[in-house]
Amino acid sequence: MKKTFNLDHPKIKVPRVVDSVKHEIRKFLKKERKKPLPSDTKYWGFDCRCGQSEEAAAVVELPLLMETIDDLVANNVMTIYVEITAKAVKVEDSPR
């Protein structure tokens, strides 16, 4: 998912637009997690980037993605770029 969200809407207030952006992100993550895993992997991991534009986007951990969006909105940023890439993660069995 590579998408630029515009938070400026003539009829809808910014907090509601931010809620719809977060909802769309959660919906995308749910859809990606339902996909079948390759045989040698354990779960889906996600590489995330977020920022004001594609060029200014920084790498963000998935648990901090929503907080990063809130920080951008608090700094009066009206355009948010979000990039989420799914990757299958293989967990090595640890000897016990």
N, C-alpha and C. Protein backbone atom coordinates (compact mmCIF):
# COMPACT_ATOMS: atom_id res chain seq x y z
N MET A 1 0.85 -1.17 0.00
CA MET A 1 0.00 0.00 0.00
C MET A 1 0.89 1.23 0.00
N LYS A 2 0.78 2.02 -1.03
CA LYS A 2 1.46 3.30 -1.10
C LYS A 2 0.39 4.33 -1.39
N LYS A 3 0.15 5.21 -0.43
CA LYS A 3 -0.94 6.13 -0.63
C LYS A 3 -0.66 7.46 0.05
N THR A 4 -1.09 8.53 -0.60
CA THR A 4 -1.02 9.86 -0.03
C THR A 4 -2.43 10.28 0.33
N PHE A 5 -2.63 10.63 1.59
CA PHE A 5 -3.93 11.03 2.09
C PHE A 5 -3.97 12.54 2.25
N ASN A 6 -5.03 13.16 1.72
CA ASN A 6 -5.23 14.59 1.89
C ASN A 6 -6.24 14.77 3.02
N LEU A 7 -5.86 15.47 4.07
CA LEU A 7 -6.72 15.63 5.24
C LEU A 7 -7.64 16.84 5.14
N ASP A 8 -7.46 17.66 4.12
CA ASP A 8 -8.24 18.86 3.95
C ASP A 8 -9.48 18.54 3.12
N HIS A 9 -10.66 18.61 3.75
CA HIS A 9 -11.92 18.31 3.07
C HIS A 9 -12.89 19.46 3.36
N PRO A 10 -13.65 19.90 2.35
CA PRO A 10 -14.51 21.06 2.57
C PRO A 10 -15.65 20.84 3.56
N LYS A 11 -16.13 19.60 3.69
CA LYS A 11 -17.29 19.35 4.56
C LYS A 11 -16.97 18.51 5.79
N ILE A 12 -15.91 17.74 5.74
CA ILE A 12 -15.59 16.83 6.84
C ILE A 12 -14.43 17.40 7.64
N LYS A 13 -14.58 17.39 8.96
CA LYS A 13 -13.53 17.93 9.83
C LYS A 13 -12.33 16.99 9.87
N VAL A 14 -11.17 17.56 10.16
CA VAL A 14 -9.90 16.82 10.12
C VAL A 14 -9.90 15.57 11.01
N PRO A 15 -10.40 15.64 12.27
CA PRO A 15 -10.37 14.41 13.09
C PRO A 15 -11.12 13.24 12.46
N ARG A 16 -12.23 13.50 11.77
CA ARG A 16 -12.98 12.42 11.12
C ARG A 16 -12.23 11.87 9.93
N VAL A 17 -11.54 12.75 9.19
CA VAL A 17 -10.75 12.29 8.05
C VAL A 17 -9.59 11.42 8.55
N VAL A 18 -8.97 11.82 9.66
CA VAL A 18 -7.88 11.04 10.24
C VAL A 18 -8.40 9.67 10.68
N ASP A 19 -9.59 9.63 11.27
CA ASP A 19 -10.18 8.35 11.65
C ASP A 19 -10.40 7.45 10.44
N SER A 20 -10.84 8.02 9.33
CA SER A 20 -11.05 7.20 8.13
C SER A 20 -9.73 6.71 7.55
N VAL A 21 -8.66 7.51 7.66
CA VAL A 21 -7.34 7.08 7.21
C VAL A 21 -6.86 5.90 8.05
N LYS A 22 -7.00 6.02 9.36
CA LYS A 22 -6.58 4.93 10.26
C LYS A 22 -7.41 3.67 9.99
N HIS A 23 -8.70 3.85 9.74
CA HIS A 23 -9.55 2.70 9.45
C HIS A 23 -9.10 2.00 8.17
N GLU A 24 -8.76 2.78 7.15
CA GLU A 24 -8.30 2.20 5.89
C GLU A 24 -6.99 1.43 6.08
N ILE A 25 -6.11 1.94 6.91
CA ILE A 25 -4.84 1.25 7.20
C ILE A 25 -5.10 -0.05 7.93
N ARG A 26 -5.96 -0.02 8.94
CA ARG A 26 -6.27 -1.25 9.69
C ARG A 26 -6.94 -2.28 8.79
N LYS A 27 -7.81 -1.83 7.89
CA LYS A 27 -8.48 -2.74 6.96
C LYS A 27 -7.46 -3.39 6.03
N PHE A 28 -6.49 -2.62 5.56
CA PHE A 28 -5.44 -3.16 4.70
C PHE A 28 -4.61 -4.21 5.45
N LEU A 29 -4.25 -3.90 6.70
CA LEU A 29 -3.45 -4.85 7.49
C LEU A 29 -4.22 -6.15 7.72
N LYS A 30 -5.50 -6.04 8.02
CA LYS A 30 -6.33 -7.23 8.25
C LYS A 30 -6.40 -8.09 6.98
N LYS A 31 -6.56 -7.44 5.83
CA LYS A 31 -6.63 -8.16 4.55
C LYS A 31 -5.32 -8.87 4.25
N GLU A 32 -4.20 -8.19 4.50
CA GLU A 32 -2.88 -8.79 4.24
C GLU A 32 -2.60 -9.97 5.17
N ARG A 33 -3.03 -9.87 6.41
CA ARG A 33 -2.79 -10.96 7.37
C ARG A 33 -3.60 -12.21 7.05
N LYS A 34 -4.69 -12.06 6.31
CA LYS A 34 -5.51 -13.21 5.94
C LYS A 34 -4.94 -14.00 4.77
N LYS A 35 -4.00 -13.44 4.05
CA LYS A 35 -3.42 -14.13 2.91
C LYS A 35 -2.64 -15.36 3.38
N PRO A 36 -2.62 -16.41 2.58
CA PRO A 36 -1.89 -17.61 2.98
C PRO A 36 -0.38 -17.34 3.02
N LEU A 37 0.26 -17.90 4.04
CA LEU A 37 1.71 -17.75 4.22
C LEU A 37 2.47 -18.75 3.35
N PRO A 38 3.65 -18.38 2.88
CA PRO A 38 4.52 -19.37 2.25
C PRO A 38 4.86 -20.48 3.26
N SER A 39 5.21 -21.64 2.78
CA SER A 39 5.35 -22.82 3.64
C SER A 39 6.41 -22.69 4.73
N ASP A 40 7.47 -21.95 4.51
CA ASP A 40 8.56 -21.92 5.49
C ASP A 40 8.52 -20.67 6.39
N THR A 41 7.38 -20.00 6.47
CA THR A 41 7.28 -18.78 7.28
C THR A 41 6.23 -18.94 8.38
N LYS A 42 6.32 -18.08 9.39
CA LYS A 42 5.43 -18.18 10.55
C LYS A 42 4.35 -17.11 10.59
N TYR A 43 4.67 -15.87 10.16
CA TYR A 43 3.69 -14.80 10.23
C TYR A 43 4.04 -13.69 9.24
N TRP A 44 3.10 -12.76 9.08
CA TRP A 44 3.32 -11.61 8.21
C TRP A 44 3.92 -10.47 9.03
N GLY A 45 4.98 -9.88 8.52
CA GLY A 45 5.56 -8.68 9.10
C GLY A 45 5.33 -7.53 8.13
N PHE A 46 5.48 -6.33 8.62
CA PHE A 46 5.21 -5.17 7.77
C PHE A 46 6.32 -4.14 7.90
N ASP A 47 6.78 -3.65 6.76
CA ASP A 47 7.72 -2.53 6.71
C ASP A 47 6.89 -1.29 6.43
N CYS A 48 7.04 -0.28 7.28
CA CYS A 48 6.22 0.93 7.16
C CYS A 48 7.07 2.17 7.01
N ARG A 49 6.57 3.09 6.21
CA ARG A 49 7.15 4.42 6.07
C ARG A 49 6.01 5.42 6.15
N CYS A 50 6.25 6.55 6.81
CA CYS A 50 5.21 7.55 6.96
C CYS A 50 5.85 8.92 7.02
N GLY A 51 5.18 9.90 6.40
CA GLY A 51 5.69 11.26 6.43
C GLY A 51 4.79 12.20 5.67
N GLN A 52 5.26 13.43 5.51
CA GLN A 52 4.47 14.45 4.83
C GLN A 52 4.41 14.20 3.32
N SER A 53 5.47 13.62 2.78
CA SER A 53 5.50 13.28 1.36
C SER A 53 6.32 12.01 1.19
N GLU A 54 6.34 11.48 -0.03
CA GLU A 54 7.10 10.26 -0.29
C GLU A 54 8.59 10.47 -0.05
N GLU A 55 9.09 11.64 -0.42
CA GLU A 55 10.51 11.93 -0.24
C GLU A 55 10.87 12.13 1.23
N ALA A 56 9.94 12.67 2.02
CA ALA A 56 10.22 12.96 3.43
C ALA A 56 9.79 11.82 4.36
N ALA A 57 9.29 10.73 3.81
CA ALA A 57 8.80 9.63 4.64
C ALA A 57 9.95 8.93 5.35
N ALA A 58 9.73 8.65 6.62
CA ALA A 58 10.73 7.97 7.44
C ALA A 58 10.23 6.57 7.79
N VAL A 59 11.16 5.69 8.05
CA VAL A 59 10.81 4.32 8.46
C VAL A 59 10.19 4.36 9.85
N VAL A 60 9.06 3.68 10.00
CA VAL A 60 8.32 3.66 11.26
C VAL A 60 7.97 2.22 11.59
N GLU A 61 8.07 1.86 12.85
CA GLU A 61 7.62 0.53 13.28
C GLU A 61 6.09 0.50 13.23
N LEU A 62 5.51 -0.65 12.93
CA LEU A 62 4.06 -0.76 12.79
C LEU A 62 3.30 -0.31 14.04
N PRO A 63 3.74 -0.70 15.26
CA PRO A 63 2.98 -0.25 16.44
C PRO A 63 2.99 1.27 16.63
N LEU A 64 3.95 1.96 16.05
CA LEU A 64 4.04 3.41 16.21
C LEU A 64 3.44 4.18 15.03
N LEU A 65 2.88 3.49 14.06
CA LEU A 65 2.37 4.14 12.86
C LEU A 65 1.23 5.11 13.17
N MET A 66 0.27 4.68 13.98
CA MET A 66 -0.87 5.55 14.31
C MET A 66 -0.42 6.77 15.12
N GLU A 67 0.55 6.58 16.02
CA GLU A 67 1.08 7.71 16.79
C GLU A 67 1.80 8.70 15.87
N THR A 68 2.50 8.19 14.88
CA THR A 68 3.19 9.05 13.92
C THR A 68 2.19 9.88 13.13
N ILE A 69 1.08 9.28 12.74
CA ILE A 69 0.03 10.01 12.04
C ILE A 69 -0.53 11.11 12.94
N ASP A 70 -0.77 10.77 14.21
CA ASP A 70 -1.28 11.77 15.15
C ASP A 70 -0.29 12.93 15.33
N ASP A 71 1.00 12.61 15.37
CA ASP A 71 2.02 13.66 15.50
C ASP A 71 2.02 14.58 14.28
N LEU A 72 1.89 14.01 13.10
CA LEU A 72 1.84 14.82 11.88
C LEU A 72 0.62 15.74 11.88
N VAL A 73 -0.52 15.22 12.33
CA VAL A 73 -1.74 16.04 12.39
C VAL A 73 -1.58 17.15 13.43
N ALA A 74 -0.94 16.84 14.56
CA ALA A 74 -0.71 17.85 15.60
C ALA A 74 0.19 18.97 15.10
N ASN A 75 1.06 18.67 14.13
CA ASN A 75 1.94 19.69 13.54
C ASN A 75 1.31 20.36 12.33
N ASN A 76 -0.01 20.22 12.17
CA ASN A 76 -0.79 20.85 11.10
C ASN A 76 -0.36 20.42 9.70
N VAL A 77 0.04 19.18 9.55
CA VAL A 77 0.36 18.64 8.23
C VAL A 77 -0.96 18.18 7.61
N MET A 78 -1.27 18.65 6.41
CA MET A 78 -2.54 18.34 5.76
C MET A 78 -2.42 17.26 4.69
N THR A 79 -1.22 16.76 4.44
CA THR A 79 -1.01 15.67 3.50
C THR A 79 -0.11 14.63 4.16
N ILE A 80 -0.56 13.38 4.18
CA ILE A 80 0.20 12.31 4.82
C ILE A 80 0.44 11.19 3.82
N TYR A 81 1.69 10.77 3.71
CA TYR A 81 2.07 9.66 2.85
C TYR A 81 2.30 8.44 3.73
N VAL A 82 1.68 7.32 3.38
CA VAL A 82 1.84 6.07 4.12
C VAL A 82 2.21 4.97 3.13
N GLU A 83 3.25 4.22 3.47
CA GLU A 83 3.67 3.09 2.65
C GLU A 83 3.80 1.88 3.58
N ILE A 84 3.08 0.82 3.26
CA ILE A 84 3.14 -0.41 4.06
C ILE A 84 3.40 -1.57 3.10
N THR A 85 4.46 -2.32 3.39
CA THR A 85 4.84 -3.46 2.57
C THR A 85 4.82 -4.72 3.43
N ALA A 86 4.05 -5.71 3.01
CA ALA A 86 3.97 -6.97 3.74
C ALA A 86 5.16 -7.85 3.39
N LYS A 87 5.67 -8.57 4.39
CA LYS A 87 6.75 -9.52 4.17
C LYS A 87 6.51 -10.73 5.05
N ALA A 88 6.77 -11.88 4.52
CA ALA A 88 6.63 -13.11 5.29
C ALA A 88 7.86 -13.29 6.15
N VAL A 89 7.65 -13.54 7.44
CA VAL A 89 8.75 -13.64 8.39
C VAL A 89 8.94 -15.10 8.79
N LYS A 90 10.19 -15.53 8.69
CA LYS A 90 10.54 -16.89 9.07
C LYS A 90 11.19 -16.82 10.46
N VAL A 91 10.68 -17.59 11.39
CA VAL A 91 11.21 -17.62 12.74
C VAL A 91 12.02 -18.89 12.91
N GLU A 92 13.27 -18.73 13.27
CA GLU A 92 14.14 -19.89 13.48
C GLU A 92 13.75 -20.57 14.80
N ASP A 93 13.72 -21.88 14.79
CA ASP A 93 13.44 -22.63 16.02
C ASP A 93 14.64 -22.54 16.94
N SER A 94 14.38 -22.11 18.15
CA SER A 94 15.49 -22.00 19.12
C SER A 94 15.64 -23.32 19.86
N PRO A 95 16.86 -23.79 20.04
CA PRO A 95 17.08 -25.06 20.76
C PRO A 95 16.76 -24.89 22.25
N ARG A 96 16.12 -25.91 22.81
CA ARG A 96 15.77 -25.83 24.25
C ARG A 96 16.33 -26.98 24.98
